[in-house]
Amino acid sequence: MKATHAGTRRAAQVPTRGEVASPPDRRGDRLLRLPAISEITALSEATLRYKRHCGTGPPIFRLSKNLVCWESDLLAWIDEEAAKDAAAS
């Protein structure tokens, strides 16, 4: 991290080149598998796979042999899609 003029670290710890951001706190969050994601979004598993391929779907990632998504990330993606639709109307 870069130091401020006083030599202390910045309050909002933004990683600089070569540093890795700390992962978000996931306590209380659940990992959902593809069938659960499909049920929540009302999109087929094939559509979710296609949207993942195109980079337009929820933040689904591979964990071992399963496609999963954090529940909070899925709900945030749904809110973003709803906001896009409302703005387009």
Protein backbone atom coordinates (compact mmCIF):
# COMPACT_ATOMS: atom_id res chain seq x y z
CA MET A 1 0.00 0.00 0.00
CA LYS A 2 1.08 3.52 -0.60
CA ALA A 3 1.70 5.72 2.39
CA THR A 4 0.04 9.09 2.86
CA HIS A 5 2.01 12.24 3.53
CA ALA A 6 2.07 11.48 7.25
CA GLY A 7 3.45 8.00 6.58
CA THR A 8 0.30 6.14 7.62
CA ARG A 9 -1.78 3.85 5.48
CA ARG A 10 -4.86 5.10 3.71
CA ALA A 11 -8.16 4.52 5.49
CA ALA A 12 -9.82 2.86 2.47
CA GLN A 13 -7.18 0.27 1.83
CA VAL A 14 -7.03 0.17 -1.93
CA PRO A 15 -4.51 -2.35 -3.21
CA THR A 16 -1.69 -0.97 -5.30
CA ARG A 17 0.14 -2.74 -8.07
CA GLY A 18 1.24 -6.21 -7.01
CA GLU A 19 -1.01 -6.38 -3.95
CA VAL A 20 -4.15 -8.47 -3.65
CA ALA A 21 -7.39 -7.10 -2.23
CA SER A 22 -8.68 -8.91 0.82
CA PRO A 23 -11.71 -11.09 0.06
CA PRO A 24 -15.16 -9.93 1.19
CA ASP A 25 -16.53 -11.27 4.45
CA ARG A 26 -18.74 -14.22 3.48
CA ARG A 27 -19.92 -15.23 6.96
CA GLY A 28 -23.62 -16.02 6.79
CA ASP A 29 -23.56 -16.17 2.98
CA ARG A 30 -24.43 -19.41 1.18
CA LEU A 31 -22.98 -20.96 -1.94
CA LEU A 32 -25.76 -21.93 -4.34
CA ARG A 33 -25.39 -24.64 -6.97
CA LEU A 34 -26.68 -24.23 -10.50
CA PRO A 35 -30.10 -25.90 -9.91
CA ALA A 36 -30.80 -23.52 -7.01
CA ILE A 37 -29.62 -20.53 -9.06
CA SER A 38 -31.93 -21.65 -11.86
CA GLU A 39 -34.87 -21.92 -9.47
CA ILE A 40 -34.28 -18.45 -7.97
CA THR A 41 -33.79 -16.70 -11.33
CA ALA A 42 -36.41 -18.69 -13.29
CA LEU A 43 -33.76 -19.17 -16.01
CA SER A 44 -32.87 -22.62 -17.29
CA GLU A 45 -29.51 -24.12 -16.41
CA ALA A 46 -28.58 -24.00 -20.11
CA THR A 47 -29.38 -20.26 -20.24
CA LEU A 48 -27.31 -19.64 -17.12
CA ARG A 49 -24.38 -21.55 -18.63
CA TYR A 50 -24.68 -19.51 -21.84
CA LYS A 51 -24.87 -16.21 -19.93
CA ARG A 52 -21.79 -17.28 -17.95
CA HIS A 53 -19.98 -17.99 -21.22
CA CYS A 54 -20.96 -14.55 -22.60
CA GLY A 55 -20.15 -12.77 -19.33
CA THR A 56 -23.67 -11.37 -18.98
CA GLY A 57 -25.06 -13.60 -16.25
CA PRO A 58 -24.71 -13.74 -12.51
CA PRO A 59 -21.18 -14.19 -11.09
CA ILE A 60 -21.15 -17.98 -11.35
CA PHE A 61 -17.82 -19.75 -10.92
CA ARG A 62 -16.55 -23.30 -10.95
CA LEU A 63 -15.82 -24.90 -7.60
CA SER A 64 -14.41 -28.35 -8.24
CA LYS A 65 -16.92 -29.84 -10.69
CA ASN A 66 -19.83 -27.63 -9.65
CA LEU A 67 -20.98 -24.25 -10.89
CA VAL A 68 -21.81 -22.10 -7.89
CA CYS A 69 -22.60 -18.51 -6.94
CA TRP A 70 -22.67 -16.69 -3.63
CA GLU A 71 -26.28 -15.97 -2.66
CA SER A 72 -25.57 -12.30 -1.93
CA ASP A 73 -23.90 -11.87 -5.34
CA LEU A 74 -26.85 -13.51 -7.08
CA LEU A 75 -29.35 -11.23 -5.35
CA ALA A 76 -27.21 -8.19 -6.19
CA TRP A 77 -27.12 -9.28 -9.86
CA ILE A 78 -30.91 -9.64 -9.89
CA ASP A 79 -31.23 -6.12 -8.42
CA GLU A 80 -28.86 -4.75 -11.09
CA GLU A 81 -30.88 -6.42 -13.86
CA ALA A 82 -34.10 -4.97 -12.43
CA ALA A 83 -32.52 -1.50 -12.27
CA LYS A 84 -31.38 -1.79 -15.92
CA ASP A 85 -34.90 -2.75 -16.95
CA ALA A 86 -36.44 0.12 -14.98
CA ALA A 87 -34.01 2.59 -16.54
CA ALA A 88 -34.81 1.31 -20.04
CA SER A 89 -38.56 1.74 -19.52
